[in-house]
Amino acid sequence: MELQLIDGKFDPQEAIALLRELVDVKIKFHEKKIAASMSEEDIKFREQRIKALQTAAHDITVALREQSGSVRIHTHFGFDA
């Protein structure tokens, strides 16, 4: 099954705002899991994932700020049962 969440053109500022919202949701997901976890291994994994998301979001934000025109964003989610 597949879900197409985003498929469109955005000006750079809209793209940055959208990216931040998506990353914030994913970070909050990991923070909730950390708060409920008893496993040190799981906590470390999620903390690393949060840092990686923050770094990637920063890098993409920098690149988007350098764009002069619109950017196209595609997001597809797929999963296997």
Protein backbone atom coordinates (compact mmCIF):
# COMPACT_ATOMS: atom_id res chain seq x y z
CA MET A 1 0.00 0.00 0.00
CA GLU A 2 1.20 3.50 -0.76
CA LEU A 3 0.19 7.00 0.35
CA GLN A 4 1.14 10.13 -1.58
CA LEU A 5 1.16 12.81 1.10
CA ILE A 6 2.74 15.73 -0.77
CA ASP A 7 3.22 16.33 -4.47
CA GLY A 8 3.46 19.93 -5.54
CA LYS A 9 5.44 23.09 -6.17
CA PHE A 10 6.19 25.46 -3.32
CA ASP A 11 8.11 28.67 -2.96
CA PRO A 12 11.20 28.19 -0.79
CA GLN A 13 9.65 29.71 2.35
CA GLU A 14 6.59 27.45 2.08
CA ALA A 15 8.84 24.45 1.55
CA ILE A 16 10.87 25.35 4.65
CA ALA A 17 7.71 25.73 6.74
CA LEU A 18 6.36 22.41 5.49
CA LEU A 19 9.65 20.66 6.16
CA ARG A 20 9.81 22.05 9.70
CA GLU A 21 6.27 20.88 10.44
CA LEU A 22 6.98 17.35 9.18
CA VAL A 23 10.28 17.08 11.05
CA ASP A 24 8.72 18.47 14.25
CA VAL A 25 6.04 15.78 14.15
CA LYS A 26 8.64 13.04 13.74
CA ILE A 27 10.80 14.47 16.54
CA LYS A 28 7.79 14.62 18.89
CA PHE A 29 7.04 10.98 18.03
CA HIS A 30 10.57 10.00 19.10
CA GLU A 31 10.40 12.16 22.24
CA LYS A 32 7.19 10.42 23.33
CA LYS A 33 8.82 7.04 22.75
CA ILE A 34 11.85 8.13 24.80
CA ALA A 35 9.61 9.23 27.68
CA ALA A 36 7.89 5.84 27.70
CA SER A 37 11.01 3.71 27.17
CA MET A 38 12.90 1.76 29.78
CA SER A 39 15.57 0.59 27.36
CA GLU A 40 18.78 2.58 27.27
CA GLU A 41 19.51 1.18 23.80
CA ASP A 42 16.16 2.41 22.48
CA ILE A 43 16.65 5.84 24.05
CA LYS A 44 20.11 6.21 22.47
CA PHE A 45 18.77 5.14 19.08
CA ARG A 46 15.93 7.67 19.23
CA GLU A 47 18.24 10.47 20.40
CA GLN A 48 20.52 9.76 17.45
CA ARG A 49 17.54 9.75 15.11
CA ILE A 50 16.39 13.13 16.46
CA LYS A 51 19.86 14.60 15.91
CA ALA A 52 19.95 13.19 12.37
CA LEU A 53 16.52 14.69 11.60
CA GLN A 54 17.60 18.08 12.96
CA THR A 55 20.81 18.03 10.91
CA ALA A 56 19.03 16.99 7.71
CA ALA A 57 16.34 19.64 8.23
CA HIS A 58 19.01 22.29 8.76
CA ASP A 59 20.90 21.26 5.62
CA ILE A 60 17.74 21.26 3.51
CA THR A 61 16.69 24.63 4.94
CA VAL A 62 20.05 26.15 3.96
CA ALA A 63 19.71 24.73 0.44
CA LEU A 64 16.13 25.96 0.10
CA ARG A 65 17.09 29.49 1.16
CA GLU A 66 19.47 29.57 -1.81
CA GLN A 67 16.65 28.72 -4.26
CA SER A 68 15.30 31.57 -6.34
CA GLY A 69 12.27 29.80 -7.80
CA SER A 70 9.77 27.23 -6.72
CA VAL A 71 10.73 23.74 -5.62
CA ARG A 72 8.84 20.52 -6.14
CA ILE A 73 8.30 18.26 -3.14
CA HIS A 74 7.28 14.62 -3.40
CA THR A 75 6.59 12.39 -0.42
CA HIS A 76 5.44 8.84 -0.78
CA PHE A 77 4.91 6.43 2.06
CA GLY A 78 4.79 2.76 1.32
CA PHE A 79 4.71 -0.29 3.50
CA ASP A 80 4.61 -4.03 3.22
CA ALA A 81 2.46 -6.18 5.44
